[in-house]
Amino acid sequence: MRHCVAILAMTAALSAPALQAAPAMPVYSHQRAHLFAVCAGRLAALALHQSSTRHAAAPESRRLQEEFDMLLDAVLPDARDQGVPDGQAVRWRSQGWSEIAGFLADQTYSFDARIADLARNAAAERIEECRALLLPTT
């Protein structure tokens, strides 16, 4: 339970208006671990793609990915106490990575402009869901 202190401190540091704009934070550690692992994977895939294309946002995406990794490390002991098996966080992270990598591949390589646009929008929505947890807008 002491590992949740870092999460609670982060949440308390945010202002009330900022919290209203952010998506709801899950209550249980196993739910938080799932969310943080998926977001870390999503941002890792995005950062790798951005690095490979020399996109200026790559360092920021990598920094956000590292923050989600840190949050995951903080809640994982409690999540394990709640029944999350060893290795599950890696599978969740891979799920997030694969999700964004698939969208990036579709937007980059699809011959159908509609599919590329749908993939671009879906990737942007998934990344924004994660960014809003750490960088809420008011």
Protein backbone atom coordinates (compact mmCIF):
# COMPACT_ATOMS: atom_id res chain seq x y z
CA MET A 1 0.00 0.00 0.00
CA ARG A 2 2.92 2.34 0.62
CA HIS A 3 3.66 2.29 -3.11
CA CYS A 4 0.42 4.14 -3.75
CA VAL A 5 1.78 7.12 -1.82
CA ALA A 6 3.62 8.33 -4.95
CA ILE A 7 0.39 8.16 -6.94
CA LEU A 8 -1.60 9.92 -4.25
CA ALA A 9 1.04 12.66 -3.94
CA MET A 10 0.93 13.22 -7.70
CA THR A 11 -2.85 13.39 -7.65
CA ALA A 12 -2.92 15.77 -4.69
CA ALA A 13 -0.44 18.07 -6.41
CA LEU A 14 -2.81 18.61 -9.30
CA SER A 15 -5.30 21.41 -8.99
CA ALA A 16 -9.04 20.73 -8.83
CA PRO A 17 -9.76 22.28 -12.27
CA ALA A 18 -7.03 20.17 -13.85
CA LEU A 19 -8.47 17.02 -12.35
CA GLN A 20 -11.87 17.76 -13.87
CA ALA A 21 -10.34 17.81 -17.36
CA ALA A 22 -8.38 14.59 -16.90
CA PRO A 23 -9.91 11.15 -17.41
CA ALA A 24 -10.95 9.34 -14.25
CA MET A 25 -8.08 7.59 -12.49
CA PRO A 26 -8.93 3.97 -11.66
CA VAL A 27 -9.48 3.15 -7.99
CA TYR A 28 -7.64 -0.15 -7.67
CA SER A 29 -3.92 -0.70 -8.13
CA HIS A 30 -4.42 -3.52 -10.64
CA GLN A 31 -6.52 -1.16 -12.79
CA ARG A 32 -3.90 1.56 -12.52
CA ALA A 33 -1.14 -0.88 -13.39
CA HIS A 34 -3.07 -1.89 -16.51
CA LEU A 35 -3.61 1.72 -17.55
CA PHE A 36 -0.02 2.79 -16.85
CA ALA A 37 1.43 -0.23 -18.67
CA VAL A 38 -0.75 0.29 -21.75
CA CYS A 39 0.12 3.99 -21.86
CA ALA A 40 3.84 3.26 -21.45
CA GLY A 41 3.61 0.88 -24.39
CA ARG A 42 1.66 3.34 -26.52
CA LEU A 43 4.17 6.11 -25.88
CA ALA A 44 7.14 3.79 -26.43
CA ALA A 45 5.80 2.90 -29.88
CA LEU A 46 5.13 6.55 -30.68
CA ALA A 47 8.58 7.65 -29.47
CA LEU A 48 10.28 4.96 -31.54
CA HIS A 49 8.35 6.01 -34.65
CA GLN A 50 9.06 9.67 -34.01
CA SER A 51 12.76 8.96 -33.47
CA SER A 52 12.97 6.99 -36.69
CA THR A 53 11.39 9.87 -38.61
CA ARG A 54 13.41 12.51 -36.73
CA HIS A 55 10.25 14.12 -35.39
CA ALA A 56 10.90 16.91 -32.89
CA ALA A 57 8.36 15.49 -30.40
CA ALA A 58 10.28 12.23 -29.88
CA PRO A 59 12.05 13.32 -26.66
CA GLU A 60 8.77 14.47 -25.11
CA SER A 61 7.07 11.18 -26.01
CA ARG A 62 9.99 9.25 -24.49
CA ARG A 63 9.80 11.38 -21.33
CA LEU A 64 6.07 10.66 -20.96
CA GLN A 65 6.70 6.96 -21.54
CA GLU A 66 9.30 7.00 -18.76
CA GLU A 67 6.79 8.69 -16.44
CA PHE A 68 4.25 5.96 -17.10
CA ASP A 69 6.95 3.34 -16.47
CA MET A 70 7.70 5.03 -13.14
CA LEU A 71 4.01 5.09 -12.19
CA LEU A 72 3.70 1.44 -13.16
CA ASP A 73 6.67 0.55 -10.97
CA ALA A 74 5.01 2.40 -8.08
CA VAL A 75 1.69 0.53 -8.24
CA LEU A 76 2.91 -2.89 -9.38
CA PRO A 77 3.63 -4.30 -5.90
CA ASP A 78 0.07 -3.51 -4.77
CA ALA A 79 -1.32 -4.80 -8.07
CA ARG A 80 0.49 -8.09 -7.50
CA ASP A 81 -1.06 -8.22 -4.04
CA GLN A 82 -4.44 -7.83 -5.80
CA GLY A 83 -3.75 -10.87 -7.99
CA VAL A 84 -1.89 -9.54 -11.05
CA PRO A 85 0.45 -12.36 -12.09
CA ASP A 86 4.15 -11.87 -12.82
CA GLY A 87 4.68 -10.84 -16.43
CA GLN A 88 1.20 -9.36 -16.87
CA ALA A 89 2.51 -5.79 -16.93
CA VAL A 90 4.80 -6.71 -19.84
CA ARG A 91 1.83 -8.15 -21.72
CA TRP A 92 -0.23 -5.00 -21.06
CA ARG A 93 2.68 -2.83 -22.20
CA SER A 94 3.03 -4.91 -25.36
CA GLN A 95 -0.70 -4.52 -25.97
CA GLY A 96 -0.36 -0.73 -25.93
CA TRP A 97 2.75 -0.84 -28.11
CA SER A 98 1.10 -3.11 -30.69
CA GLU A 99 -2.02 -0.98 -30.77
CA ILE A 100 -0.14 2.22 -31.67
CA ALA A 101 2.35 0.45 -33.93
CA GLY A 102 -0.57 -0.95 -35.93
CA PHE A 103 -2.16 2.46 -36.30
CA LEU A 104 1.18 4.01 -37.29
CA ALA A 105 1.71 1.32 -39.91
CA ASP A 106 -1.77 1.87 -41.34
CA GLN A 107 -1.37 5.64 -41.49
CA THR A 108 2.06 5.35 -43.09
CA TYR A 109 1.63 2.47 -45.51
CA SER A 110 -2.07 2.23 -46.38
CA PHE A 111 -2.98 2.89 -49.99
CA ASP A 112 -6.47 3.88 -48.83
CA ALA A 113 -6.55 7.51 -47.60
CA ARG A 114 -9.66 6.81 -45.51
CA ILE A 115 -7.92 3.99 -43.63
CA ALA A 116 -4.83 6.15 -43.14
CA ASP A 117 -6.96 8.99 -41.73
CA LEU A 118 -8.88 6.65 -39.42
CA ALA A 119 -5.61 5.19 -38.15
CA ARG A 120 -4.11 8.65 -37.64
CA ASN A 121 -7.17 9.76 -35.65
CA ALA A 122 -7.32 6.57 -33.60
CA ALA A 123 -3.63 6.80 -32.70
CA ALA A 124 -4.00 10.46 -31.75
CA GLU A 125 -7.01 9.66 -29.52
CA ARG A 126 -5.21 6.83 -27.71
CA ILE A 127 -2.11 8.96 -27.14
CA GLU A 128 -4.22 11.89 -25.93
CA GLU A 129 -5.99 9.61 -23.43
CA CYS A 130 -2.60 8.88 -21.90
CA ARG A 131 -1.24 12.41 -22.13
CA ALA A 132 -4.35 13.76 -20.37
CA LEU A 133 -3.56 11.60 -17.34
CA LEU A 134 -0.23 13.36 -16.84
CA LEU A 135 -0.80 16.69 -18.58
CA PRO A 136 -4.45 17.60 -17.96
CA THR A 137 -5.81 20.55 -19.88
CA THR A 138 -8.05 23.11 -18.28
